[in-house]
Amino acid sequence: MSKRKRASYSREFKLEAVGLITKKGYSIAEASRNLGIEYSVLRRWKIQLADDPQNAFPGKGKLKAPDEEFRRIKRELERVKEERDILKKALAYFAEDQK
């Protein structure tokens, strides 16, 4: 069994492929056959572009800007919680020491 390498397409290619459907009037099936792309992949690209044209196709391994901000804030919250817990333990330790 040989594994097929996953194809990678640039943002510009994806925009042009979706443009065939939206601007030139090709059906998704026609465009997918002409470009050699799976129907479902081209359909997904069309939906992604329609949902969020500014942030569609952010790139390999990258998140959309709002998702990246959410991830950053979530990491910061975890760090702040850890710091709080450390301070609570230190406060309890020094409170015991005072007695």
PDB file of N, CA and C in Angstrom:
ATOM      1  N   MET A   1       0.833  -1.185   0.000  1.00  0.00           N
ATOM      2  CA  MET A   1       0.000   0.000   0.000  1.00  0.00           C
ATOM      3  C   MET A   1       0.877   1.247   0.000  1.00  0.00           C
ATOM      4  N   SER A   2       0.671   2.075  -0.970  1.00  0.00           N
ATOM      5  CA  SER A   2       1.423   3.329  -1.001  1.00  0.00           C
ATOM      6  C   SER A   2       0.497   4.466  -0.591  1.00  0.00           C
ATOM      7  N   LYS A   3       1.048   5.371   0.181  1.00  0.00           N
ATOM      8  CA  LYS A   3       0.260   6.517   0.622  1.00  0.00           C
ATOM      9  C   LYS A   3       0.372   7.614  -0.415  1.00  0.00           C
ATOM     10  N   ARG A   4      -0.749   8.210  -0.729  1.00  0.00           N
ATOM     11  CA  ARG A   4      -0.749   9.342  -1.650  1.00  0.00           C
ATOM     12  C   ARG A   4      -0.380  10.596  -0.886  1.00  0.00           C
ATOM     13  N   LYS A   5       0.428  11.411  -1.509  1.00  0.00           N
ATOM     14  CA  LYS A   5       0.809  12.663  -0.878  1.00  0.00           C
ATOM     15  C   LYS A   5      -0.347  13.645  -1.027  1.00  0.00           C
ATOM     16  N   ARG A   6      -0.627  14.333   0.030  1.00  0.00           N
ATOM     17  CA  ARG A   6      -1.725  15.286   0.043  1.00  0.00           C
ATOM     18  C   ARG A   6      -1.349  16.508  -0.781  1.00  0.00           C
ATOM     19  N   ALA A   7      -2.222  16.881  -1.687  1.00  0.00           N
ATOM     20  CA  ALA A   7      -1.954  18.029  -2.549  1.00  0.00           C
ATOM     21  C   ALA A   7      -2.089  19.331  -1.763  1.00  0.00           C
ATOM     22  N   SER A   8      -1.259  20.289  -2.118  1.00  0.00           N
ATOM     23  CA  SER A   8      -1.288  21.591  -1.462  1.00  0.00           C
ATOM     24  C   SER A   8      -1.460  22.660  -2.533  1.00  0.00           C
ATOM     25  N   TYR A   9      -2.404  23.545  -2.329  1.00  0.00           N
ATOM     26  CA  TYR A   9      -2.707  24.574  -3.315  1.00  0.00           C
ATOM     27  C   TYR A   9      -2.548  25.950  -2.686  1.00  0.00           C
ATOM     28  N   SER A  10      -2.074  26.894  -3.457  1.00  0.00           N
ATOM     29  CA  SER A  10      -1.893  28.255  -2.965  1.00  0.00           C
ATOM     30  C   SER A  10      -3.243  28.964  -2.849  1.00  0.00           C
ATOM     31  N   ARG A  11      -3.254  30.027  -2.098  1.00  0.00           N
ATOM     32  CA  ARG A  11      -4.470  30.834  -1.938  1.00  0.00           C
ATOM     33  C   ARG A  11      -4.934  31.358  -3.286  1.00  0.00           C
ATOM     34  N   GLU A  12      -3.998  31.802  -4.120  1.00  0.00           N
ATOM     35  CA  GLU A  12      -4.337  32.352  -5.429  1.00  0.00           C
ATOM     36  C   GLU A  12      -5.012  31.299  -6.308  1.00  0.00           C
ATOM     37  N   PHE A  13      -4.480  30.069  -6.275  1.00  0.00           N
ATOM     38  CA  PHE A  13      -5.078  28.988  -7.060  1.00  0.00           C
ATOM     39  C   PHE A  13      -6.510  28.731  -6.604  1.00  0.00           C
ATOM     40  N   LYS A  14      -6.707  28.689  -5.289  1.00  0.00           N
ATOM     41  CA  LYS A  14      -8.040  28.440  -4.754  1.00  0.00           C
ATOM     42  C   LYS A  14      -9.004  29.542  -5.170  1.00  0.00           C
ATOM     43  N   LEU A  15      -8.549  30.800  -5.111  1.00  0.00           N
ATOM     44  CA  LEU A  15      -9.401  31.918  -5.515  1.00  0.00           C
ATOM     45  C   LEU A  15      -9.763  31.825  -6.993  1.00  0.00           C
ATOM     46  N   GLU A  16      -8.798  31.471  -7.833  1.00  0.00           N
ATOM     47  CA  GLU A  16      -9.069  31.328  -9.265  1.00  0.00           C
ATOM     48  C   GLU A  16     -10.016  30.162  -9.534  1.00  0.00           C
ATOM     49  N   ALA A  17      -9.832  29.063  -8.814  1.00  0.00           N
ATOM     50  CA  ALA A  17     -10.696  27.900  -8.996  1.00  0.00           C
ATOM     51  C   ALA A  17     -12.137  28.239  -8.627  1.00  0.00           C
ATOM     52  N   VAL A  18     -12.321  28.919  -7.516  1.00  0.00           N
ATOM     53  CA  VAL A  18     -13.669  29.315  -7.102  1.00  0.00           C
ATOM     54  C   VAL A  18     -14.215  30.361  -8.067  1.00  0.00           C
ATOM     55  N   GLY A  19     -13.333  31.205  -8.605  1.00  0.00           N
ATOM     56  CA  GLY A  19     -13.749  32.203  -9.589  1.00  0.00           C
ATOM     57  C   GLY A  19     -14.336  31.572 -10.841  1.00  0.00           C
ATOM     58  N   LEU A  20     -13.847  30.404 -11.231  1.00  0.00           N
ATOM     59  CA  LEU A  20     -14.434  29.712 -12.381  1.00  0.00           C
ATOM     60  C   LEU A  20     -15.911  29.423 -12.144  1.00  0.00           C
ATOM     61  N   ILE A  21     -16.241  29.105 -10.923  1.00  0.00           N
ATOM     62  CA  ILE A  21     -17.625  28.764 -10.584  1.00  0.00           C
ATOM     63  C   ILE A  21     -18.474  30.020 -10.448  1.00  0.00           C
ATOM     64  N   THR A  22     -17.955  30.979  -9.670  1.00  0.00           N
ATOM     65  CA  THR A  22     -18.772  32.137  -9.329  1.00  0.00           C
ATOM     66  C   THR A  22     -18.814  33.200 -10.427  1.00  0.00           C
ATOM     67  N   LYS A  23     -17.710  33.378 -11.134  1.00  0.00           N
ATOM     68  CA  LYS A  23     -17.650  34.461 -12.119  1.00  0.00           C
ATOM     69  C   LYS A  23     -17.824  33.987 -13.556  1.00  0.00           C
ATOM     70  N   LYS A  24     -17.321  32.799 -13.852  1.00  0.00           N
ATOM     71  CA  LYS A  24     -17.358  32.324 -15.243  1.00  0.00           C
ATOM     72  C   LYS A  24     -18.519  31.380 -15.518  1.00  0.00           C
ATOM     73  N   GLY A  25     -19.248  30.989 -14.474  1.00  0.00           N
ATOM     74  CA  GLY A  25     -20.444  30.189 -14.672  1.00  0.00           C
ATOM     75  C   GLY A  25     -20.237  28.690 -14.825  1.00  0.00           C
ATOM     76  N   TYR A  26     -19.057  28.188 -14.539  1.00  0.00           N
ATOM     77  CA  TYR A  26     -18.839  26.745 -14.576  1.00  0.00           C
ATOM     78  C   TYR A  26     -19.576  26.105 -13.401  1.00  0.00           C
ATOM     79  N   SER A  27     -19.990  24.864 -13.595  1.00  0.00           N
ATOM     80  CA  SER A  27     -20.540  24.125 -12.461  1.00  0.00           C
ATOM     81  C   SER A  27     -19.355  23.612 -11.648  1.00  0.00           C
ATOM     82  N   ILE A  28     -19.622  23.232 -10.410  1.00  0.00           N
ATOM     83  CA  ILE A  28     -18.548  22.708  -9.562  1.00  0.00           C
ATOM     84  C   ILE A  28     -17.994  21.436 -10.188  1.00  0.00           C
ATOM     85  N   ALA A  29     -18.852  20.599 -10.733  1.00  0.00           N
ATOM     86  CA  ALA A  29     -18.410  19.346 -11.347  1.00  0.00           C
ATOM     87  C   ALA A  29     -17.500  19.613 -12.546  1.00  0.00           C
ATOM     88  N   GLU A  30     -17.889  20.570 -13.387  1.00  0.00           N
ATOM     89  CA  GLU A  30     -17.074  20.913 -14.563  1.00  0.00           C
ATOM     90  C   GLU A  30     -15.702  21.431 -14.146  1.00  0.00           C
ATOM     91  N   ALA A  31     -15.697  22.373 -13.225  1.00  0.00           N
ATOM     92  CA  ALA A  31     -14.446  22.974 -12.779  1.00  0.00           C
ATOM     93  C   ALA A  31     -13.557  21.929 -12.112  1.00  0.00           C
ATOM     94  N   SER A  32     -14.143  21.053 -11.314  1.00  0.00           N
ATOM     95  CA  SER A  32     -13.330  20.043 -10.635  1.00  0.00           C
ATOM     96  C   SER A  32     -12.709  19.072 -11.646  1.00  0.00           C
ATOM     97  N   ARG A  33     -13.458  18.698 -12.680  1.00  0.00           N
ATOM     98  CA  ARG A  33     -12.901  17.827 -13.719  1.00  0.00           C
ATOM     99  C   ARG A  33     -11.776  18.527 -14.479  1.00  0.00           C
ATOM    100  N   ASN A  34     -11.985  19.782 -14.855  1.00  0.00           N
ATOM    101  CA  ASN A  34     -10.983  20.528 -15.628  1.00  0.00           C
ATOM    102  C   ASN A  34      -9.701  20.762 -14.833  1.00  0.00           C
ATOM    103  N   LEU A  35      -9.841  20.993 -13.535  1.00  0.00           N
ATOM    104  CA  LEU A  35      -8.673  21.290 -12.706  1.00  0.00           C
ATOM    105  C   LEU A  35      -8.052  20.046 -12.074  1.00  0.00           C
ATOM    106  N   GLY A  36      -8.762  18.932 -12.119  1.00  0.00           N
ATOM    107  CA  GLY A  36      -8.249  17.705 -11.520  1.00  0.00           C
ATOM    108  C   GLY A  36      -8.333  17.720 -10.006  1.00  0.00           C
ATOM    109  N   ILE A  37      -9.351  18.372  -9.501  1.00  0.00           N
ATOM    110  CA  ILE A  37      -9.572  18.485  -8.055  1.00  0.00           C
ATOM    111  C   ILE A  37     -10.857  17.747  -7.719  1.00  0.00           C
ATOM    112  N   GLU A  38     -10.893  17.141  -6.558  1.00  0.00           N
ATOM    113  CA  GLU A  38     -12.114  16.471  -6.114  1.00  0.00           C
ATOM    114  C   GLU A  38     -13.263  17.471  -6.008  1.00  0.00           C
ATOM    115  N   TYR A  39     -14.453  17.019  -6.352  1.00  0.00           N
ATOM    116  CA  TYR A  39     -15.659  17.837  -6.286  1.00  0.00           C
ATOM    117  C   TYR A  39     -15.847  18.412  -4.885  1.00  0.00           C
ATOM    118  N   SER A  40     -15.695  17.556  -3.869  1.00  0.00           N
ATOM    119  CA  SER A  40     -15.943  17.987  -2.489  1.00  0.00           C
ATOM    120  C   SER A  40     -14.950  19.058  -2.037  1.00  0.00           C
ATOM    121  N   VAL A  41     -13.716  18.977  -2.539  1.00  0.00           N
ATOM    122  CA  VAL A  41     -12.697  19.963  -2.168  1.00  0.00           C
ATOM    123  C   VAL A  41     -13.072  21.330  -2.741  1.00  0.00           C
ATOM    124  N   LEU A  42     -13.428  21.344  -4.013  1.00  0.00           N
ATOM    125  CA  LEU A  42     -13.793  22.608  -4.660  1.00  0.00           C
ATOM    126  C   LEU A  42     -15.064  23.193  -4.038  1.00  0.00           C
ATOM    127  N   ARG A  43     -15.994  22.338  -3.697  1.00  0.00           N
ATOM    128  CA  ARG A  43     -17.226  22.789  -3.043  1.00  0.00           C
ATOM    129  C   ARG A  43     -16.912  23.432  -1.685  1.00  0.00           C
ATOM    130  N   ARG A  44     -15.997  22.796  -0.927  1.00  0.00           N
ATOM    131  CA  ARG A  44     -15.598  23.323   0.380  1.00  0.00           C
ATOM    132  C   ARG A  44     -14.927  24.691   0.226  1.00  0.00           C
ATOM    133  N   TRP A  45     -14.063  24.829  -0.779  1.00  0.00           N
ATOM    134  CA  TRP A  45     -13.403  26.116  -1.029  1.00  0.00           C
ATOM    135  C   TRP A  45     -14.433  27.201  -1.323  1.00  0.00           C
ATOM    136  N   LYS A  46     -15.435  26.844  -2.107  1.00  0.00           N
ATOM    137  CA  LYS A  46     -16.484  27.814  -2.462  1.00  0.00           C
ATOM    138  C   LYS A  46     -17.233  28.266  -1.209  1.00  0.00           C
ATOM    139  N   ILE A  47     -17.562  27.327  -0.347  1.00  0.00           N
ATOM    140  CA  ILE A  47     -18.273  27.646   0.890  1.00  0.00           C
ATOM    141  C   ILE A  47     -17.398  28.493   1.812  1.00  0.00           C
ATOM    142  N   GLN A  48     -16.125  28.140   1.951  1.00  0.00           N
ATOM    143  CA  GLN A  48     -15.214  28.901   2.803  1.00  0.00           C
ATOM    144  C   GLN A  48     -15.085  30.335   2.327  1.00  0.00           C
ATOM    145  N   LEU A  49     -14.981  30.524   1.025  1.00  0.00           N
ATOM    146  CA  LEU A  49     -14.851  31.870   0.484  1.00  0.00           C
ATOM    147  C   LEU A  49     -16.140  32.663   0.663  1.00  0.00           C
ATOM    148  N   ALA A  50     -17.278  32.008   0.504  1.00  0.00           N
ATOM    149  CA  ALA A  50     -18.559  32.689   0.685  1.00  0.00           C
ATOM    150  C   ALA A  50     -18.773  33.082   2.152  1.00  0.00           C
ATOM    151  N   ASP A  51     -18.351  32.222   3.079  1.00  0.00           N
ATOM    152  CA  ASP A  51     -18.546  32.483   4.506  1.00  0.00           C
ATOM    153  C   ASP A  51     -17.684  33.626   5.024  1.00  0.00           C
ATOM    154  N   ASP A  52     -16.441  33.677   4.590  1.00  0.00           N
ATOM    155  CA  ASP A  52     -15.510  34.664   5.133  1.00  0.00           C
ATOM    156  C   ASP A  52     -14.458  35.027   4.082  1.00  0.00           C
ATOM    157  N   PRO A  53     -14.793  35.915   3.146  1.00  0.00           N
ATOM    158  CA  PRO A  53     -13.864  36.230   2.048  1.00  0.00           C
ATOM    159  C   PRO A  53     -12.522  36.798   2.516  1.00  0.00           C
ATOM    160  N   GLN A  54     -12.513  37.564   3.588  1.00  0.00           N
ATOM    161  CA  GLN A  54     -11.271  38.182   4.065  1.00  0.00           C
ATOM    162  C   GLN A  54     -10.300  37.160   4.621  1.00  0.00           C
ATOM    163  N   ASN A  55     -10.813  36.194   5.376  1.00  0.00           N
ATOM    164  CA  ASN A  55      -9.952  35.248   6.083  1.00  0.00           C
ATOM    165  C   ASN A  55      -9.940  33.851   5.475  1.00  0.00           C
ATOM    166  N   ALA A  56     -10.540  33.678   4.306  1.00  0.00           N
ATOM    167  CA  ALA A  56     -10.554  32.357   3.681  1.00  0.00           C
ATOM    168  C   ALA A  56      -9.146  31.962   3.246  1.00  0.00           C
ATOM    169  N   PHE A  57      -8.827  30.714   3.396  1.00  0.00           N
ATOM    170  CA  PHE A  57      -7.545  30.146   2.968  1.00  0.00           C
ATOM    171  C   PHE A  57      -6.355  30.850   3.611  1.00  0.00           C
ATOM    172  N   PRO A  58      -6.221  30.799   4.940  1.00  0.00           N
ATOM    173  CA  PRO A  58      -5.132  31.511   5.606  1.00  0.00           C
ATOM    174  C   PRO A  58      -3.747  30.950   5.312  1.00  0.00           C
ATOM    175  N   GLY A  59      -3.649  29.713   4.894  1.00  0.00           N
ATOM    176  CA  GLY A  59      -2.339  29.147   4.570  1.00  0.00           C
ATOM    177  C   GLY A  59      -2.069  27.884   5.344  1.00  0.00           C
ATOM    178  N   LYS A  60      -1.000  27.242   4.995  1.00  0.00           N
ATOM    179  CA  LYS A  60      -0.660  25.934   5.552  1.00  0.00           C
ATOM    180  C   LYS A  60      -0.390  26.036   7.053  1.00  0.00           C
ATOM    181  N   GLY A  61      -1.236  25.376   7.824  1.00  0.00           N
ATOM    182  CA  GLY A  61      -1.031  25.326   9.262  1.00  0.00           C
ATOM    183  C   GLY A  61      -1.403  26.589  10.014  1.00  0.00           C
ATOM    184  N   LYS A  62      -1.928  27.569   9.346  1.00  0.00           N
ATOM    185  CA  LYS A  62      -2.281  28.825  10.008  1.00  0.00           C
ATOM    186  C   LYS A  62      -3.781  28.864  10.269  1.00  0.00           C
ATOM    187  N   LEU A  63      -4.138  29.592  11.294  1.00  0.00           N
ATOM    188  CA  LEU A  63      -5.543  29.769  11.611  1.00  0.00           C
ATOM    189  C   LEU A  63      -6.020  31.111  11.089  1.00  0.00           C
ATOM    190  N   LYS A  64      -7.330  31.241  10.976  1.00  0.00           N
ATOM    191  CA  LYS A  64      -7.898  32.540  10.626  1.00  0.00           C
ATOM    192  C   LYS A  64      -7.589  33.502  11.763  1.00  0.00           C
ATOM    193  N   ALA A  65      -7.545  34.785  11.469  1.00  0.00           N
ATOM    194  CA  ALA A  65      -7.164  35.784  12.471  1.00  0.00           C
ATOM    195  C   ALA A  65      -7.998  35.691  13.753  1.00  0.00           C
ATOM    196  N   PRO A  66      -9.329  35.609  13.676  1.00  0.00           N
ATOM    197  CA  PRO A  66     -10.105  35.501  14.929  1.00  0.00           C
ATOM    198  C   PRO A  66      -9.786  34.228  15.721  1.00  0.00           C
ATOM    199  N   ASP A  67      -9.553  33.126  15.017  1.00  0.00           N
ATOM    200  CA  ASP A  67      -9.222  31.876  15.698  1.00  0.00           C
ATOM    201  C   ASP A  67      -7.855  31.953  16.362  1.00  0.00           C
ATOM    202  N   GLU A  68      -6.916  32.602  15.697  1.00  0.00           N
ATOM    203  CA  GLU A  68      -5.576  32.765  16.263  1.00  0.00           C
ATOM    204  C   GLU A  68      -5.642  33.624  17.523  1.00  0.00           C
ATOM    205  N   GLU A  69      -6.437  34.690  17.493  1.00  0.00           N
ATOM    206  CA  GLU A  69      -6.605  35.557  18.665  1.00  0.00           C
ATOM    207  C   GLU A  69      -7.221  34.768  19.817  1.00  0.00           C
ATOM    208  N   PHE A  70      -8.217  33.940  19.519  1.00  0.00           N
ATOM    209  CA  PHE A  70      -8.853  33.112  20.540  1.00  0.00           C
ATOM    210  C   PHE A  70      -7.835  32.162  21.171  1.00  0.00           C
ATOM    211  N   ARG A  71      -7.009  31.538  20.343  1.00  0.00           N
ATOM    212  CA  ARG A  71      -5.994  30.614  20.847  1.00  0.00           C
ATOM    213  C   ARG A  71      -5.001  31.342  21.752  1.00  0.00           C
ATOM    214  N   ARG A  72      -4.588  32.545  21.347  1.00  0.00           N
ATOM    215  CA  ARG A  72      -3.639  33.328  22.139  1.00  0.00           C
ATOM    216  C   ARG A  72      -4.238  33.678  23.504  1.00  0.00           C
ATOM    217  N   ILE A  73      -5.487  34.131  23.504  1.00  0.00           N
ATOM    218  CA  ILE A  73      -6.155  34.523  24.747  1.00  0.00           C
ATOM    219  C   ILE A  73      -6.355  33.305  25.655  1.00  0.00           C
ATOM    220  N   LYS A  74      -6.675  32.166  25.062  1.00  0.00           N
ATOM    221  CA  LYS A  74      -6.859  30.946  25.841  1.00  0.00           C
ATOM    222  C   LYS A  74      -5.553  30.539  26.529  1.00  0.00           C
ATOM    223  N   ARG A  75      -4.428  30.620  25.802  1.00  0.00           N
ATOM    224  CA  ARG A  75      -3.120  30.304  26.404  1.00  0.00           C
ATOM    225  C   ARG A  75      -2.800  31.269  27.538  1.00  0.00           C
ATOM    226  N   GLU A  76      -3.091  32.547  27.330  1.00  0.00           N
ATOM    227  CA  GLU A  76      -2.817  33.548  28.360  1.00  0.00           C
ATOM    228  C   GLU A  76      -3.664  33.295  29.603  1.00  0.00           C
ATOM    229  N   LEU A  77      -4.920  32.915  29.407  1.00  0.00           N
ATOM    230  CA  LEU A  77      -5.799  32.611  30.536  1.00  0.00           C
ATOM    231  C   LEU A  77      -5.255  31.434  31.343  1.00  0.00           C
ATOM    232  N   GLU A  78      -4.772  30.402  30.672  1.00  0.00           N
ATOM    233  CA  GLU A  78      -4.195  29.255  31.370  1.00  0.00           C
ATOM    234  C   GLU A  78      -2.987  29.679  32.210  1.00  0.00           C
ATOM    235  N   ARG A  79      -2.143  30.537  31.634  1.00  0.00           N
ATOM    236  CA  ARG A  79      -0.962  31.011  32.360  1.00  0.00           C
ATOM    237  C   ARG A  79      -1.374  31.808  33.595  1.00  0.00           C
ATOM    238  N   VAL A  80      -2.367  32.671  33.445  1.00  0.00           N
ATOM    239  CA  VAL A  80      -2.831  33.493  34.563  1.00  0.00           C
ATOM    240  C   VAL A  80      -3.450  32.614  35.658  1.00  0.00           C
ATOM    241  N   LYS A  81      -4.175  31.571  35.272  1.00  0.00           N
ATOM    242  CA  LYS A  81      -4.750  30.653  36.259  1.00  0.00           C
ATOM    243  C   LYS A  81      -3.654  29.943  37.048  1.00  0.00           C
ATOM    244  N   GLU A  82      -2.600  29.517  36.342  1.00  0.00           N
ATOM    245  CA  GLU A  82      -1.485  28.862  37.034  1.00  0.00           C
ATOM    246  C   GLU A  82      -0.826  29.818  38.025  1.00  0.00           C
ATOM    247  N   GLU A  83      -0.622  31.060  37.613  1.00  0.00           N
ATOM    248  CA  GLU A  83      -0.022  32.054  38.508  1.00  0.00           C
ATOM    249  C   GLU A  83      -0.901  32.281  39.734  1.00  0.00           C
ATOM    250  N   ARG A  84      -2.215  32.359  39.518  1.00  0.00           N
ATOM    251  CA  ARG A  84      -3.156  32.544  40.622  1.00  0.00           C
ATOM    252  C   ARG A  84      -3.071  31.394  41.603  1.00  0.00           C
ATOM    253  N   ASP A  85      -3.038  30.173  41.075  1.00  0.00           N
ATOM    254  CA  ASP A  85      -2.973  28.990  41.941  1.00  0.00           C
ATOM    255  C   ASP A  85      -1.686  28.975  42.755  1.00  0.00           C
ATOM    256  N   ILE A  86      -0.583  29.371  42.140  1.00  0.00           N
ATOM    257  CA  ILE A  86       0.692  29.440  42.864  1.00  0.00           C
ATOM    258  C   ILE A  86       0.599  30.456  43.994  1.00  0.00           C
ATOM    259  N   LEU A  87       0.007  31.601  43.703  1.00  0.00           N
ATOM    260  CA  LEU A  87      -0.130  32.640  44.731  1.00  0.00           C
ATOM    261  C   LEU A  87      -1.046  32.185  45.870  1.00  0.00           C
ATOM    262  N   LYS A  88      -2.101  31.455  45.547  1.00  0.00           N
ATOM    263  CA  LYS A  88      -2.992  30.929  46.584  1.00  0.00           C
ATOM    264  C   LYS A  88      -2.242  29.983  47.512  1.00  0.00           C
ATOM    265  N   LYS A  89      -1.436  29.106  46.920  1.00  0.00           N
ATOM    266  CA  LYS A  89      -0.674  28.146  47.716  1.00  0.00           C
ATOM    267  C   LYS A  89       0.351  28.865  48.588  1.00  0.00           C
ATOM    268  N   ALA A  90       0.981  29.887  48.024  1.00  0.00           N
ATOM    269  CA  ALA A  90       1.972  30.649  48.789  1.00  0.00           C
ATOM    270  C   ALA A  90       1.289  31.377  49.943  1.00  0.00           C
ATOM    271  N   LEU A  91       0.122  31.951  49.684  1.00  0.00           N
ATOM    272  CA  LEU A  91      -0.618  32.657  50.728  1.00  0.00           C
ATOM    273  C   LEU A  91      -0.999  31.694  51.846  1.00  0.00           C
ATOM    274  N   ALA A  92      -1.468  30.499  51.482  1.00  0.00           N
ATOM    275  CA  ALA A  92      -1.843  29.508  52.494  1.00  0.00           C
ATOM    276  C   ALA A  92      -0.619  29.076  53.292  1.00  0.00           C
ATOM    277  N   TYR A  93       0.510  28.913  52.659  1.00  0.00           N
ATOM    278  CA  TYR A  93       1.741  28.511  53.326  1.00  0.00           C
ATOM    279  C   TYR A  93       2.177  29.572  54.329  1.00  0.00           C
ATOM    280  N   PHE A  94       2.187  30.828  53.904  1.00  0.00           N
ATOM    281  CA  PHE A  94       2.636  31.890  54.807  1.00  0.00           C
ATOM    282  C   PHE A  94       1.613  32.177  55.899  1.00  0.00           C
ATOM    283  N   ALA A  95       0.322  31.925  55.644  1.00  0.00           N
ATOM    284  CA  ALA A  95      -0.698  32.094  56.669  1.00  0.00           C
ATOM    285  C   ALA A  95      -0.519  31.052  57.762  1.00  0.00           C
ATOM    286  N   GLU A  96      -0.156  29.832  57.388  1.00  0.00           N
ATOM    287  CA  GLU A  96       0.112  28.774  58.374  1.00  0.00           C
ATOM    288  C   GLU A  96       1.350  29.138  59.203  1.00  0.00           C
ATOM    289  N   ASP A  97       2.336  29.703  58.569  1.00  0.00           N
ATOM    290  CA  ASP A  97       3.581  30.060  59.224  1.00  0.00           C
ATOM    291  C   ASP A  97       3.380  31.144  60.278  1.00  0.00           C
ATOM    292  N   GLN A  98       2.382  31.982  60.111  1.00  0.00           N
ATOM    293  CA  GLN A  98       2.104  33.086  61.021  1.00  0.00           C
ATOM    294  C   GLN A  98       1.508  32.599  62.334  1.00  0.00           C
ATOM    295  N   LYS A  99       0.870  31.443  62.333  1.00  0.00           N
ATOM    296  CA  LYS A  99       0.184  30.941  63.533  1.00  0.00           C
ATOM    297  C   LYS A  99       1.106  30.429  64.568  1.00  0.00           C
TER     298      LYS A  99
END
